[in-house]
N, C-alpha and C. Protein backbone atom coordinates (compact mmCIF):
# COMPACT_ATOMS: atom_id res chain seq x y z
N UNK A 1 0.42 -1.19 0.28
CA UNK A 1 0.07 0.04 0.05
C UNK A 1 0.74 1.46 0.20
N UNK A 2 0.55 2.16 -0.88
CA UNK A 2 1.05 3.42 -0.89
C UNK A 2 0.91 4.47 0.21
N UNK A 3 2.21 5.13 0.76
CA UNK A 3 2.08 6.13 1.50
C UNK A 3 0.60 7.15 1.21
N UNK A 4 0.11 7.48 2.37
CA UNK A 4 -0.83 8.88 2.27
C UNK A 4 -0.07 10.05 1.52
N UNK A 5 -0.76 10.49 0.43
CA UNK A 5 -0.37 12.08 0.34
C UNK A 5 -0.88 12.95 0.80
N UNK A 6 -1.58 12.70 2.01
CA UNK A 6 -2.00 13.57 2.85
C UNK A 6 -1.48 13.34 4.32
N UNK A 7 -0.97 14.55 5.11
CA UNK A 7 -0.53 14.30 6.58
C UNK A 7 -1.59 14.33 7.36
N UNK A 8 -2.17 13.08 7.73
CA UNK A 8 -3.78 13.47 8.31
C UNK A 8 -3.36 14.18 9.69
N UNK A 9 -2.22 14.13 10.68
CA UNK A 9 -2.30 14.41 11.47
C UNK A 9 -2.19 16.14 11.56
N UNK A 10 -1.74 16.70 10.73
CA UNK A 10 -1.48 18.25 10.64
C UNK A 10 -2.98 18.55 10.26
N UNK A 11 -3.36 17.92 9.27
CA UNK A 11 -4.77 18.34 8.40
C UNK A 11 -6.03 18.60 10.18
N UNK A 12 -5.59 17.36 10.43
CA UNK A 12 -6.28 17.36 12.10
C UNK A 12 -5.99 18.55 12.80
N UNK A 13 -4.95 19.16 12.64
CA UNK A 13 -4.59 20.21 13.61
C UNK A 13 -5.07 21.48 12.83
N UNK A 14 -5.26 21.32 11.81
CA UNK A 14 -5.42 22.70 11.03
C UNK A 14 -7.41 22.81 11.04
N UNK A 15 -7.91 21.79 11.09
CA UNK A 15 -9.34 21.78 11.03
C UNK A 15 -9.93 22.21 12.24
N UNK A 16 -9.07 21.42 13.37
CA UNK A 16 -9.55 21.63 14.98
C UNK A 16 -9.09 23.18 15.52
N UNK A 17 -8.01 23.65 14.68
CA UNK A 17 -7.75 25.12 15.07
C UNK A 17 -8.90 26.07 14.46
N UNK A 18 -9.15 25.48 13.43
CA UNK A 18 -10.22 26.67 12.39
C UNK A 18 -11.33 26.52 13.17
N UNK A 19 -11.77 25.35 14.10
CA UNK A 19 -12.99 25.12 14.26
C UNK A 19 -13.06 25.65 16.07
N UNK A 20 -11.84 25.93 16.41
CA UNK A 20 -11.96 26.31 17.50
C UNK A 20 -11.90 28.30 17.44
N UNK A 21 -11.07 28.43 16.76
CA UNK A 21 -10.89 30.05 16.37
C UNK A 21 -12.57 30.48 15.69
N UNK A 22 -13.44 30.15 15.32
CA UNK A 22 -14.35 30.29 14.82
C UNK A 22 -15.40 29.66 15.80
N UNK A 23 -15.24 29.15 17.12
CA UNK A 23 -16.34 28.53 17.75
C UNK A 23 -17.15 28.10 17.77
N UNK A 24 -16.90 27.11 16.98
CA UNK A 24 -18.05 26.19 16.13
C UNK A 24 -17.81 24.74 17.05
N UNK A 25 -19.43 23.96 16.88
CA UNK A 25 -19.36 22.68 17.40
C UNK A 25 -18.85 21.78 16.05
N UNK A 26 -18.77 20.59 16.41
CA UNK A 26 -18.20 19.69 15.33
C UNK A 26 -19.63 19.46 14.61
N UNK A 27 -20.73 19.59 15.00
CA UNK A 27 -22.30 19.79 14.22
C UNK A 27 -22.15 20.83 13.41
N UNK A 28 -21.77 21.79 14.10
CA UNK A 28 -21.87 23.17 13.22
C UNK A 28 -20.74 23.11 11.94
N UNK A 29 -19.61 22.83 12.15
CA UNK A 29 -18.86 22.08 11.03
C UNK A 29 -19.15 21.27 9.95
N UNK A 30 -20.09 20.61 10.62
CA UNK A 30 -20.53 19.50 9.77
C UNK A 30 -21.82 19.72 9.03
N UNK A 31 -22.03 20.35 9.39
CA UNK A 31 -23.54 21.29 8.38
C UNK A 31 -23.06 22.22 6.92
N UNK A 32 -21.87 23.14 7.56
CA UNK A 32 -21.36 23.98 6.71
C UNK A 32 -20.60 23.23 5.94
N UNK A 33 -19.96 22.03 6.30
CA UNK A 33 -19.01 21.81 5.33
C UNK A 33 -19.92 20.61 4.20
N UNK A 34 -20.71 19.70 5.17
CA UNK A 34 -21.32 18.81 4.51
C UNK A 34 -20.60 17.66 4.75
N UNK A 35 -19.46 17.88 5.64
CA UNK A 35 -18.90 16.48 6.14
C UNK A 35 -19.47 16.22 7.90
N UNK A 36 -19.67 14.13 7.73
CA UNK A 36 -20.52 14.23 8.79
C UNK A 36 -19.37 14.54 9.89
N UNK A 37 -20.19 14.59 11.10
CA UNK A 37 -19.46 15.12 12.41
C UNK A 37 -18.40 14.26 12.85
N UNK A 38 -18.85 12.67 12.43
CA UNK A 38 -17.97 11.67 13.00
C UNK A 38 -16.65 11.50 12.02
N UNK A 39 -17.08 12.11 10.82
CA UNK A 39 -15.67 12.00 10.05
C UNK A 39 -14.82 13.03 10.46
N UNK A 40 -15.33 14.21 10.62
CA UNK A 40 -14.61 15.69 11.33
C UNK A 40 -13.94 14.96 12.43
N UNK A 41 -14.68 14.40 13.61
CA UNK A 41 -13.53 14.05 14.51
C UNK A 41 -12.68 12.89 14.04
N UNK A 42 -12.65 11.72 13.39
CA UNK A 42 -11.99 11.15 12.73
C UNK A 42 -10.43 11.83 12.27
N UNK A 43 -10.67 12.95 11.68
CA UNK A 43 -9.74 13.99 10.96
C UNK A 43 -8.85 14.81 12.05
N UNK A 44 -10.02 15.25 13.05
CA UNK A 44 -9.19 16.47 13.79
C UNK A 44 -8.30 15.14 14.61
N UNK A 45 -8.80 13.82 14.81
CA UNK A 45 -7.80 12.68 15.55
C UNK A 45 -6.82 12.10 15.10
N UNK A 46 -6.72 12.37 13.48
CA UNK A 46 -5.68 12.15 12.85
C UNK A 46 -5.70 10.45 12.62
N UNK A 47 -7.07 10.25 12.47
CA UNK A 47 -7.31 8.57 12.21
C UNK A 47 -7.93 8.61 10.62
N UNK A 48 -7.30 7.80 9.99
CA UNK A 48 -7.59 7.25 8.72
C UNK A 48 -7.59 8.65 7.71
N UNK A 49 -7.59 8.50 6.37
CA UNK A 49 -7.37 9.39 5.57
C UNK A 49 -8.69 9.81 4.62
N UNK A 50 -9.34 11.23 4.81
CA UNK A 50 -10.35 11.25 4.10
C UNK A 50 -10.18 11.26 2.73
N UNK A 51 -11.40 10.82 2.05
CA UNK A 51 -11.36 10.79 0.63
C UNK A 51 -11.37 12.17 -0.15
N UNK A 52 -11.17 12.30 -1.29
CA UNK A 52 -11.04 13.37 -1.89
C UNK A 52 -12.28 14.02 -1.90
N UNK A 53 -13.51 13.94 -1.60
CA UNK A 53 -14.63 14.96 -1.87
C UNK A 53 -14.63 15.67 -0.03
N UNK A 54 -14.43 14.66 0.66
CA UNK A 54 -14.26 15.61 2.09
C UNK A 54 -12.88 16.49 2.02
N UNK A 55 -11.72 15.93 1.15
CA UNK A 55 -10.58 16.82 1.57
C UNK A 55 -11.04 18.51 0.93
N UNK A 56 -11.67 18.20 -0.17
CA UNK A 56 -12.21 19.47 -1.10
C UNK A 56 -13.43 20.06 -0.32
N UNK A 57 -13.92 19.48 0.53
CA UNK A 57 -14.93 20.26 1.28
C UNK A 57 -14.16 21.06 2.17
N UNK A 58 -13.09 20.36 2.95
CA UNK A 58 -12.48 20.91 3.98
C UNK A 58 -11.52 22.09 3.84
N UNK A 59 -10.90 21.75 2.64
CA UNK A 59 -10.43 22.84 2.17
C UNK A 59 -10.67 23.98 1.67
N UNK A 60 -11.85 24.03 1.20
CA UNK A 60 -12.70 24.89 0.96
C UNK A 60 -13.03 25.75 2.26
N UNK A 61 -13.18 25.19 3.16
CA UNK A 61 -14.14 25.42 4.63
C UNK A 61 -12.87 26.09 5.47
N UNK A 62 -11.42 25.45 5.25
CA UNK A 62 -10.62 26.22 6.07
C UNK A 62 -10.07 27.59 5.12
N UNK A 63 -10.43 27.54 4.15
CA UNK A 63 -9.75 28.60 3.23
C UNK A 63 -8.39 28.53 2.57
N UNK A 64 -8.35 26.90 2.17
CA UNK A 64 -6.76 26.74 1.85
C UNK A 64 -7.18 25.83 0.54
N UNK A 65 -6.15 26.14 -0.49
CA UNK A 65 -6.31 25.36 -1.54
C UNK A 65 -5.73 24.30 -1.54
N UNK A 66 -6.43 23.17 -2.07
CA UNK A 66 -6.14 21.83 -1.98
C UNK A 66 -5.04 21.32 -1.88
N UNK A 67 -3.98 22.11 -2.99
CA UNK A 67 -2.68 21.78 -2.96
C UNK A 67 -1.80 21.95 -1.60
N UNK A 68 -2.26 22.78 -0.71
CA UNK A 68 -1.20 22.88 0.45
C UNK A 68 -1.71 21.79 1.10
N UNK A 69 -2.72 20.87 1.37
CA UNK A 69 -2.95 19.81 1.74
C UNK A 69 -1.82 18.62 1.82
N UNK A 70 -1.35 18.66 0.35
CA UNK A 70 -0.61 17.64 -0.17
C UNK A 70 0.42 17.80 0.43
N UNK A 71 1.14 16.67 0.91
CA UNK A 71 2.46 16.46 0.92
C UNK A 71 3.32 17.21 -0.01
N UNK A 72 4.65 17.48 0.44
CA UNK A 72 5.28 18.17 -0.46
C UNK A 72 4.70 19.78 -0.45
N UNK A 73 3.75 20.17 0.04
CA UNK A 73 3.24 21.75 -0.15
C UNK A 73 3.35 22.09 1.47
N UNK A 74 2.31 22.19 1.68
CA UNK A 74 2.18 22.92 3.34
C UNK A 74 2.94 22.17 4.49
N UNK A 75 1.98 21.27 4.17
CA UNK A 75 2.45 20.04 5.34
C UNK A 75 3.71 19.10 5.48
N UNK A 76 4.31 19.18 4.56
CA UNK A 76 5.42 18.17 4.68
C UNK A 76 6.86 18.88 4.38
N UNK A 77 7.59 18.42 4.89
CA UNK A 77 9.05 19.58 5.00
C UNK A 77 10.05 18.19 4.35
N UNK A 78 10.64 18.77 3.10
CA UNK A 78 11.56 18.15 2.27
C UNK A 78 12.68 18.96 2.25
N UNK A 79 13.74 18.05 1.96
CA UNK A 79 15.12 18.63 1.64
C UNK A 79 15.33 19.80 0.31
N UNK A 80 14.47 19.85 -0.22
CA UNK A 80 14.43 20.92 -1.54
C UNK A 80 13.47 21.87 -1.41
N UNK A 81 13.57 22.89 -0.97
CA UNK A 81 12.70 24.07 -1.20
C UNK A 81 11.81 24.19 -2.24
N UNK A 82 10.56 23.97 -2.16
CA UNK A 82 9.45 24.18 -3.24
C UNK A 82 9.31 25.49 -3.27
N UNK A 83 8.87 26.03 -4.52
CA UNK A 83 7.98 27.67 -4.86
C UNK A 83 6.87 27.75 -4.36
N UNK A 84 6.66 28.76 -3.57
CA UNK A 84 5.59 28.79 -2.96
C UNK A 84 4.78 29.74 -3.69
N UNK A 85 3.60 29.42 -3.89
CA UNK A 85 2.19 29.71 -4.98
C UNK A 85 1.59 30.62 -4.09
N UNK A 86 1.38 31.67 -4.30
CA UNK A 86 0.26 32.71 -3.92
C UNK A 86 -1.36 32.37 -4.63
N UNK A 87 -2.15 31.92 -3.73
CA UNK A 87 -3.66 31.94 -4.08
C UNK A 87 -4.53 33.19 -3.24
N UNK A 88 -5.20 33.73 -4.33
CA UNK A 88 -5.89 35.12 -3.52
C UNK A 88 -6.60 34.77 -2.53
N UNK A 89 -7.10 33.39 -2.06
CA UNK A 89 -8.13 33.43 -1.09
C UNK A 89 -7.63 33.12 0.24
N UNK A 90 -6.20 33.10 0.27
CA UNK A 90 -5.23 32.63 1.55
C UNK A 90 -5.14 33.76 2.13
N UNK A 91 -5.17 33.44 3.51
CA UNK A 91 -4.95 34.18 4.52
C UNK A 91 -3.14 34.47 4.52
N UNK A 92 -2.80 36.04 4.85
CA UNK A 92 -1.62 36.31 5.58
C UNK A 92 -0.71 34.94 5.92
N UNK A 93 -1.41 35.08 7.30
CA UNK A 93 -0.54 33.77 8.17
C UNK A 93 -0.69 32.47 7.48
N UNK A 94 -1.55 31.70 6.72
CA UNK A 94 -0.90 30.75 5.80
C UNK A 94 -0.09 30.92 4.78
N UNK A 95 0.17 32.07 4.16
CA UNK A 95 1.17 32.54 3.02
C UNK A 95 2.24 32.28 3.76
N UNK A 96 2.59 32.97 5.20
CA UNK A 96 3.65 33.20 5.87
C UNK A 96 4.16 31.41 6.29
N UNK A 97 3.20 30.81 6.74
CA UNK A 97 3.14 29.53 7.01
C UNK A 97 4.06 28.46 6.10
N UNK A 98 3.43 28.52 4.40
CA UNK A 98 3.79 28.06 3.47
C UNK A 98 5.28 28.60 3.34
N UNK A 99 5.70 29.85 3.54
CA UNK A 99 7.00 30.32 3.39
C UNK A 99 8.24 29.18 4.19
N UNK A 100 7.51 29.36 5.76
CA UNK A 100 8.19 28.84 6.65
C UNK A 100 8.80 27.37 6.46
N UNK A 101 7.61 26.49 6.20
CA UNK A 101 7.61 25.42 5.62
C UNK A 101 8.49 24.86 4.44
N UNK A 102 8.31 25.89 3.45
CA UNK A 102 9.49 25.67 2.28
C UNK A 102 10.65 25.75 2.37
N UNK A 103 11.24 26.63 3.82
CA UNK A 103 12.51 27.02 3.83
C UNK A 103 13.24 25.97 4.48
N UNK A 104 14.16 25.27 3.47
CA UNK A 104 14.82 24.26 3.87
C UNK A 104 16.28 24.48 5.28
N UNK A 105 16.35 25.49 5.51
CA UNK A 105 17.16 25.70 6.64
C UNK A 105 16.67 25.68 7.63
N UNK A 106 14.99 25.36 7.93
CA UNK A 106 14.56 25.29 9.10
C UNK A 106 14.03 23.53 9.58
N UNK A 107 14.01 23.72 10.72
CA UNK A 107 13.72 21.97 10.87
C UNK A 107 12.09 22.33 10.79
N UNK A 108 11.57 21.41 10.54
CA UNK A 108 9.97 21.19 10.67
C UNK A 108 9.54 21.66 12.10
N UNK A 109 9.82 21.33 12.97
CA UNK A 109 9.42 21.58 14.56
C UNK A 109 9.31 23.25 14.48
N UNK A 110 10.56 23.90 14.02
CA UNK A 110 10.81 24.86 14.00
C UNK A 110 9.84 25.68 13.38
N UNK A 111 9.69 24.99 11.80
CA UNK A 111 8.70 25.83 11.11
C UNK A 111 7.30 25.99 11.81
N UNK A 112 6.99 24.95 12.29
CA UNK A 112 5.59 24.79 12.70
C UNK A 112 5.54 25.83 14.00
N UNK A 113 6.75 25.92 14.76
CA UNK A 113 6.35 27.14 15.82
C UNK A 113 6.45 28.53 15.42
N UNK A 114 7.18 28.74 14.52
CA UNK A 114 7.27 30.10 14.03
C UNK A 114 5.91 30.17 13.63
N UNK A 115 5.42 29.44 12.73
CA UNK A 115 4.11 29.88 11.87
C UNK A 115 3.08 30.17 13.13
N UNK A 116 3.05 29.25 13.90
CA UNK A 116 1.87 29.14 15.01
C UNK A 116 2.04 30.46 16.03
N UNK A 117 3.40 30.99 16.24
CA UNK A 117 3.71 32.54 16.89
C UNK A 117 3.71 33.39 15.84
N UNK A 118 3.83 33.13 14.75
CA UNK A 118 2.80 34.43 14.02
C UNK A 118 1.61 34.38 13.64
N UNK A 119 1.05 33.36 13.52
CA UNK A 119 -0.78 33.09 13.52
C UNK A 119 -1.04 33.84 14.82
N UNK A 120 -0.76 33.48 16.03
CA UNK A 120 -1.23 34.29 16.92
C UNK A 120 -0.82 35.40 17.10
N UNK A 121 0.10 36.28 17.09
CA UNK A 121 0.81 37.63 16.56
C UNK A 121 -0.50 38.27 15.74
N UNK A 122 -0.49 37.81 14.56
CA UNK A 122 -1.22 38.39 13.52
C UNK A 122 -2.63 38.57 14.04
N UNK A 123 -3.19 37.34 14.48
CA UNK A 123 -4.89 37.41 14.82
C UNK A 123 -4.76 38.91 15.81
N UNK A 124 -3.70 38.56 16.82
CA UNK A 124 -3.67 39.43 17.92
C UNK A 124 -4.03 40.78 17.62
N UNK A 125 -2.98 41.38 16.49
CA UNK A 125 -2.90 42.81 16.16
C UNK A 125 -3.36 43.32 14.74
N UNK A 126 -4.02 42.03 14.45
CA UNK A 126 -4.66 42.55 12.99
C UNK A 126 -6.05 42.86 13.42
N UNK A 127 -6.57 43.82 12.43
CA UNK A 127 -8.12 44.29 12.18
C UNK A 127 -8.98 43.07 12.46
N UNK A 128 -8.72 41.67 12.08
CA UNK A 128 -9.29 40.80 12.10
C UNK A 128 -9.76 40.14 13.53
N UNK A 129 -8.50 40.61 14.31
CA UNK A 129 -8.58 39.87 15.56
C UNK A 129 -9.21 40.49 16.82
N UNK A 130 -9.80 41.58 16.44
CA UNK A 130 -9.95 42.71 17.50
C UNK A 130 -11.43 42.39 17.27
């Protein structure tokens, strides 16, 4: 069996963070996305790999291009830095996170920590965080 192209654990973190940020319950997210609450729970807990329709719905709800959910893009860290492509619907924290994760000079844990630090600071000091 081939390895999954999706980093399910990090996808789960993204979903949970967005759900908590928007103060939504699993049922509310399920209604909004068309993804069942049980599937959302499995995604948040990093269990199993969502099908393509679920991934597309989650990417749309997260405001993240589907390509960012794939290994080698936002969630995976490789030796060779890949170019970061901007998508007009992406938030500034998502773009910064993509750049940090693409930086071959940063360890994955460091990139993740810096991205989270930036996200918190951005939300705290931006007009959207008030």
